[in-house]
Structure formats: structure tokens, C-alpha cells
Amino acid sequence: MEKVTVEDVSNRPNPMGVHSTRRPVSRALGAEHVALVEYELEPGEEFSGGLHTHHDQEEIFYVQEGTATFEVGEDREHVTVEAGQVIRFPPGEFQNGHNHSDEPVRALAVGAPGARHNWSDIESLAPCGECGEETSHDVRPPDEDGVMQLVCRECGTEMF
């Protein structure tokens, strides 16, 4: 049995600088089969660094305070999730959540199976400077400086 107080979990923001508060609760608990992360998003911040999917993991977001807006699917449908509401993304569904409001958002994200990213199963949609359009990209884990890398699946161009 492990027990922690969420506020005492070390803050580990996304290396892309897209949010200021991210507490990996499952890591603090030593969980191996589920990921649990608390986010606090200030206005203009987002959960991740862009539209992405986990091919090996489903994700659930429970908005505890505020209002989050998610871009869903390659057509980027906007779905609003308010305090007390929950949204689920199955493996393979593209999504990205934002705080477009003037108030902070506090939310819990749950991912399963697995408590850690399998980086080869993450795919991001991003503009490629070489291809001249939005393409599918592989996501490489952060390097020693915390920089993640995207690699275009069409042409192999690496972006930081």
C-alpha cells in the first residue's frame, strides 16, 4: 500500500513549456499499470504539446475545477468539459486539451494500461516544414535537456 497527498507530489511540467503544473501522482505511488496525473492549467495553457494519440493507452480526463476545451479527432471538433465532467479518449483517437477560459483549470488525467509512456506508440499531428503541410509525426522522449523531438513519418524531418 502506498499513500500520498497530491499537493506534495513533485511538479514535473511538460518539457515543451505548455503548462506550469503537472503532478505525476502514479509515479509517486510507484504504480505500474495505470497513470494518474493532476494538472493545473492557467488561462492559455494546455495539457500536452499538441494534437496527439496514444495507440496503446486510453485516457480519461476528470475536470475538477474550471472549463477545459478539447480538440478531438483529425477534424479538431471542439468539446467543452466543465467541472464535474469526465471525457474519455480510446487508443488511437487524436486529442489535445486547452484552457481557453479566464479561470484556472484543475483536472486529473488517467491513462491505462501502463504507468509510463511507450514512446513508439505515441503519434502527433504537426506541420512539417519540409512537406509543407500537417503530417503524422513520431514522438521521441525528452533528451537530457528536456527537449522532445518530433519526426515526420512522411519525409523523416526532425523537429525540436
Protein backbone atom coordinates (compact mmCIF):
# COMPACT_ATOMS: atom_id res chain seq x y z
CA MET A 1 0.00 0.00 0.00
CA GLU A 2 1.21 3.49 -0.88
CA LYS A 3 -0.36 6.82 0.06
CA VAL A 4 0.49 10.39 -0.95
CA THR A 5 -1.03 13.83 -0.70
CA VAL A 6 -1.44 15.17 -4.23
CA GLU A 7 -0.19 18.65 -3.31
CA ASP A 8 3.04 17.04 -2.02
CA VAL A 9 3.79 15.27 -5.32
CA SER A 10 6.71 16.93 -7.15
CA ASN A 11 5.74 19.21 -10.00
CA ARG A 12 7.09 17.92 -13.35
CA PRO A 13 5.83 20.24 -16.12
CA ASN A 14 5.85 19.18 -19.76
CA PRO A 15 9.32 19.88 -21.23
CA MET A 16 7.64 21.84 -24.06
CA GLY A 17 6.54 24.50 -21.56
CA VAL A 18 2.82 24.19 -22.36
CA HIS A 19 1.72 24.21 -18.71
CA SER A 20 3.22 25.13 -15.37
CA THR A 21 1.78 22.47 -13.03
CA ARG A 22 1.78 18.72 -13.66
CA ARG A 23 1.95 16.27 -10.76
CA PRO A 24 2.57 12.61 -11.76
CA VAL A 25 0.69 11.01 -8.87
CA SER A 26 1.05 7.44 -10.15
CA ARG A 27 4.85 7.83 -10.26
CA ALA A 28 4.86 8.98 -6.62
CA LEU A 29 2.80 5.90 -5.73
CA GLY A 30 5.03 3.55 -7.72
CA ALA A 31 2.10 2.46 -9.93
CA GLU A 32 2.97 0.24 -12.88
CA HIS A 33 -0.34 -0.39 -14.65
CA VAL A 34 -2.12 2.97 -14.59
CA ALA A 35 -1.05 6.60 -14.99
CA LEU A 36 -2.63 9.30 -12.81
CA VAL A 37 -1.59 12.92 -13.27
CA GLU A 38 -3.00 16.10 -11.76
CA TYR A 39 -2.84 19.23 -13.93
CA GLU A 40 -3.41 22.85 -13.01
CA LEU A 41 -3.74 24.93 -16.16
CA GLU A 42 -3.63 28.70 -16.13
CA PRO A 43 -5.51 30.55 -18.88
CA GLY A 44 -3.86 29.81 -22.24
CA GLU A 45 -2.12 26.63 -21.07
CA GLU A 46 -2.74 23.10 -22.36
CA PHE A 47 -2.38 19.52 -21.15
CA SER A 48 0.11 18.37 -23.80
CA GLY A 49 2.18 19.81 -26.62
CA GLY A 50 -0.31 19.34 -29.44
CA LEU A 51 -2.81 17.06 -31.12
CA HIS A 52 -1.68 13.50 -30.37
CA THR A 53 -2.81 9.96 -29.68
CA HIS A 54 -1.61 7.01 -27.66
CA HIS A 55 -2.07 3.86 -29.74
CA ASP A 56 -1.51 1.69 -26.67
CA GLN A 57 -3.43 3.58 -23.99
CA GLU A 58 -6.83 5.10 -23.34
CA GLU A 59 -7.03 8.39 -21.46
CA ILE A 60 -9.70 9.82 -19.20
CA PHE A 61 -9.77 13.45 -18.03
CA TYR A 62 -11.82 14.47 -14.99
CA VAL A 63 -12.16 18.25 -14.78
CA GLN A 64 -12.36 19.16 -11.11
CA GLU A 65 -12.38 22.95 -11.44
CA GLY A 66 -12.86 25.30 -14.38
CA THR A 67 -13.64 24.52 -18.02
CA ALA A 68 -11.34 22.68 -20.42
CA THR A 69 -11.76 22.58 -24.19
CA PHE A 70 -10.52 19.54 -26.10
CA GLU A 71 -9.69 19.29 -29.77
CA VAL A 72 -10.83 15.82 -30.80
CA GLY A 73 -10.01 13.83 -33.94
CA GLU A 74 -8.19 14.90 -37.05
CA ASP A 75 -11.09 17.28 -37.83
CA ARG A 76 -10.44 19.00 -34.47
CA GLU A 77 -14.00 19.00 -33.15
CA HIS A 78 -14.11 21.22 -30.04
CA VAL A 79 -15.63 19.60 -26.94
CA THR A 80 -16.10 21.59 -23.74
CA VAL A 81 -15.68 19.75 -20.43
CA GLU A 82 -16.79 21.58 -17.31
CA ALA A 83 -16.10 20.98 -13.61
CA GLY A 84 -17.57 17.66 -12.55
CA GLN A 85 -17.50 16.23 -16.09
CA VAL A 86 -15.32 13.46 -17.48
CA ILE A 87 -14.15 12.75 -21.05
CA ARG A 88 -12.59 9.53 -22.42
CA PHE A 89 -10.33 9.02 -25.43
CA PRO A 90 -9.85 5.46 -26.67
CA PRO A 91 -6.48 4.31 -28.01
CA GLY A 92 -5.87 5.85 -31.43
CA GLU A 93 -8.14 8.91 -31.05
CA PHE A 94 -6.33 12.23 -31.51
CA GLN A 95 -6.89 14.85 -28.82
CA ASN A 96 -5.43 17.89 -27.10
CA GLY A 97 -6.91 19.79 -24.17
CA HIS A 98 -6.66 23.54 -23.50
CA ASN A 99 -7.71 26.16 -21.01
CA HIS A 100 -9.31 28.83 -23.22
CA SER A 101 -11.12 30.40 -20.25
CA ASP A 102 -10.12 33.24 -17.95
CA GLU A 103 -10.10 30.95 -14.89
CA PRO A 104 -7.68 28.17 -13.87
CA VAL A 105 -8.48 24.55 -14.70
CA ARG A 106 -7.67 21.68 -12.35
CA ALA A 107 -8.04 18.17 -13.74
CA LEU A 108 -6.99 14.57 -13.21
CA ALA A 109 -5.80 12.53 -16.19
CA VAL A 110 -5.93 8.73 -16.04
CA GLY A 111 -4.18 6.54 -18.61
CA ALA A 112 -4.28 2.76 -18.82
CA PRO A 113 -2.81 0.31 -19.29
CA GLY A 114 0.67 1.34 -18.26
CA ALA A 115 2.02 3.99 -15.93
CA ARG A 116 4.72 5.23 -18.36
CA HIS A 117 4.67 6.27 -22.00
CA ASN A 118 5.62 3.76 -24.62
CA TRP A 119 7.08 6.45 -26.88
CA SER A 120 6.85 4.32 -30.03
CA ASP A 121 3.04 4.20 -29.57
CA ILE A 122 2.56 7.99 -29.49
CA GLU A 123 1.71 9.83 -32.70
CA SER A 124 1.41 13.59 -33.15
CA LEU A 125 -0.09 15.67 -35.95
CA ALA A 126 2.04 18.72 -36.66
CA PRO A 127 3.07 20.97 -39.54
CA CYS A 128 6.19 19.72 -41.33
CA GLY A 129 8.44 22.41 -42.79
CA GLU A 130 9.78 20.02 -45.40
CA CYS A 131 6.45 18.54 -46.53
CA GLY A 132 4.68 21.93 -46.37
CA GLU A 133 1.60 20.52 -44.63
CA GLU A 134 0.42 18.89 -41.45
CA THR A 135 1.67 15.31 -41.26
CA SER A 136 1.90 12.42 -38.83
CA HIS A 137 4.97 12.51 -36.57
CA ASP A 138 6.65 10.05 -34.25
CA VAL A 139 7.35 11.46 -30.79
CA ARG A 140 10.74 10.82 -29.22
CA PRO A 141 11.22 11.08 -25.45
CA PRO A 142 12.78 14.19 -23.92
CA ASP A 143 16.57 14.33 -24.08
CA GLU A 144 18.81 15.25 -21.13
CA ASP A 145 17.79 18.90 -21.59
CA GLY A 146 14.08 18.01 -21.52
CA VAL A 147 13.58 18.62 -25.26
CA MET A 148 11.16 16.30 -27.05
CA GLN A 149 11.60 15.63 -30.74
CA LEU A 150 9.04 15.07 -33.49
CA VAL A 151 10.00 13.10 -36.60
CA CYS A 152 7.84 13.40 -39.72
CA ARG A 153 6.61 9.96 -40.81
CA GLU A 154 6.41 11.15 -44.44
CA CYS A 155 9.90 12.57 -45.02
CA GLY A 156 11.90 11.91 -41.83
CA THR A 157 12.45 15.59 -40.98
CA GLU A 158 13.29 16.04 -37.30
CA MET A 159 11.75 18.94 -35.39
CA PHE A 160 12.51 20.08 -31.85
